[in-house]
Amino acid sequence: MTGKQIDDSGVTTTQVRQVMLRFEDELEIALQEHPGFPDDPIHQVAIVCEESGEALRAAIQSVYEHGPEAAVDKELVQTAAMCIRALIARRLQRGAEE
């Protein structure tokens, strides 16, 4: 860690909505391309971890290998979409409709 921090105290609702829309778009793509999802928490979380690992790899490549920063964003969006999908799957398993 560089020891520096970004001041994100001024994040707006509009900015949050824009990011959430990217999550929704990615989730729709994942649901179409892979219509099934594991029914146990170990495999659900493993998918999230796989995406998270890809985000870390993209970040390392961005910082140390001059890789594209857009790849980091893409992988973070995919990670978030899989987090959402895992949470939805768990709720469906429990019969929650919230």
Protein backbone atom coordinates (compact mmCIF):
# COMPACT_ATOMS: atom_id res chain seq x y z
CA MET A 1 0.00 0.00 0.00
CA THR A 2 1.30 3.43 -0.88
CA GLY A 3 0.05 5.04 2.32
CA LYS A 4 -2.01 7.48 0.28
CA GLN A 5 -5.76 7.58 0.38
CA ILE A 6 -8.41 8.94 -1.94
CA ASP A 7 -10.92 11.30 -0.34
CA ASP A 8 -14.21 9.71 -1.34
CA SER A 9 -16.32 11.70 1.11
CA GLY A 10 -17.91 13.65 -1.75
CA VAL A 11 -19.29 10.67 -3.66
CA THR A 12 -22.72 11.49 -5.03
CA THR A 13 -25.84 9.38 -5.34
CA THR A 14 -25.56 9.73 -9.11
CA GLN A 15 -22.06 8.26 -9.08
CA VAL A 16 -23.26 5.35 -6.97
CA ARG A 17 -26.18 4.71 -9.32
CA GLN A 18 -23.85 4.71 -12.34
CA VAL A 19 -21.66 2.07 -10.74
CA MET A 20 -24.67 0.00 -9.67
CA LEU A 21 -25.96 0.04 -13.24
CA ARG A 22 -22.66 -1.46 -14.37
CA PHE A 23 -23.13 -4.22 -11.78
CA GLU A 24 -26.65 -4.88 -13.08
CA ASP A 25 -25.48 -5.01 -16.70
CA GLU A 26 -22.71 -7.45 -15.83
CA LEU A 27 -25.09 -9.60 -13.80
CA GLU A 28 -27.51 -9.82 -16.73
CA ILE A 29 -24.66 -10.93 -19.02
CA ALA A 30 -23.55 -13.57 -16.50
CA LEU A 31 -27.10 -14.89 -16.10
CA GLN A 32 -27.44 -15.25 -19.87
CA GLU A 33 -24.02 -16.82 -20.44
CA HIS A 34 -24.11 -19.09 -17.37
CA PRO A 35 -27.76 -19.77 -16.46
CA GLY A 36 -26.95 -22.07 -13.54
CA PHE A 37 -25.27 -21.24 -10.24
CA PRO A 38 -23.98 -23.59 -7.53
CA ASP A 39 -26.38 -24.41 -4.72
CA ASP A 40 -23.79 -24.55 -1.94
CA PRO A 41 -21.99 -21.66 -0.26
CA ILE A 42 -18.49 -23.04 -0.80
CA HIS A 43 -18.81 -23.05 -4.57
CA GLN A 44 -20.75 -19.79 -4.60
CA VAL A 45 -18.00 -18.01 -2.69
CA ALA A 46 -15.33 -19.77 -4.76
CA ILE A 47 -16.74 -18.07 -7.85
CA VAL A 48 -16.59 -14.71 -6.07
CA CYS A 49 -12.99 -15.43 -5.03
CA GLU A 50 -12.05 -16.39 -8.57
CA GLU A 51 -13.34 -13.05 -9.84
CA SER A 52 -11.61 -11.25 -6.98
CA GLY A 53 -8.33 -12.97 -7.89
CA GLU A 54 -8.74 -11.79 -11.47
CA ALA A 55 -9.26 -8.24 -10.19
CA LEU A 56 -6.08 -8.49 -8.12
CA ARG A 57 -4.16 -9.83 -11.11
CA ALA A 58 -5.42 -6.94 -13.25
CA ALA A 59 -4.37 -4.47 -10.53
CA ILE A 60 -0.89 -5.98 -10.31
CA GLN A 61 -0.56 -5.84 -14.07
CA SER A 62 -1.79 -2.25 -14.09
CA VAL A 63 0.70 -1.10 -11.45
CA TYR A 64 3.78 -3.17 -12.22
CA GLU A 65 3.40 -4.11 -15.88
CA HIS A 66 1.70 -0.97 -17.23
CA GLY A 67 -1.42 -2.96 -18.05
CA PRO A 68 -4.70 -1.22 -18.80
CA GLU A 69 -6.43 0.35 -15.81
CA ALA A 70 -9.77 -0.37 -17.46
CA ALA A 71 -9.11 -4.08 -16.89
CA VAL A 72 -9.11 -3.45 -13.13
CA ASP A 73 -12.53 -1.78 -13.33
CA LYS A 74 -13.87 -4.57 -15.53
CA GLU A 75 -12.76 -7.26 -13.08
CA LEU A 76 -14.09 -5.33 -10.08
CA VAL A 77 -17.47 -5.05 -11.78
CA GLN A 78 -17.45 -8.77 -12.49
CA THR A 79 -16.54 -9.47 -8.86
CA ALA A 80 -19.39 -7.29 -7.60
CA ALA A 81 -21.84 -8.96 -9.99
CA MET A 82 -20.86 -12.39 -8.67
CA CYS A 83 -21.25 -11.15 -5.07
CA ILE A 84 -24.76 -10.03 -5.94
CA ARG A 85 -25.48 -13.30 -7.71
CA ALA A 86 -24.26 -15.34 -4.75
CA LEU A 87 -26.43 -13.34 -2.36
CA ILE A 88 -29.47 -13.79 -4.60
CA ALA A 89 -28.81 -17.53 -4.87
CA ARG A 90 -28.59 -17.83 -1.10
CA ARG A 91 -31.84 -15.94 -0.64
CA LEU A 92 -33.55 -18.16 -3.20
CA GLN A 93 -32.31 -21.20 -1.31
CA ARG A 94 -33.86 -19.91 1.89
CA GLY A 95 -37.05 -18.86 0.13
CA ALA A 96 -36.55 -15.18 0.93
CA GLU A 97 -38.29 -12.72 -1.38
CA GLU A 98 -36.90 -9.50 0.11
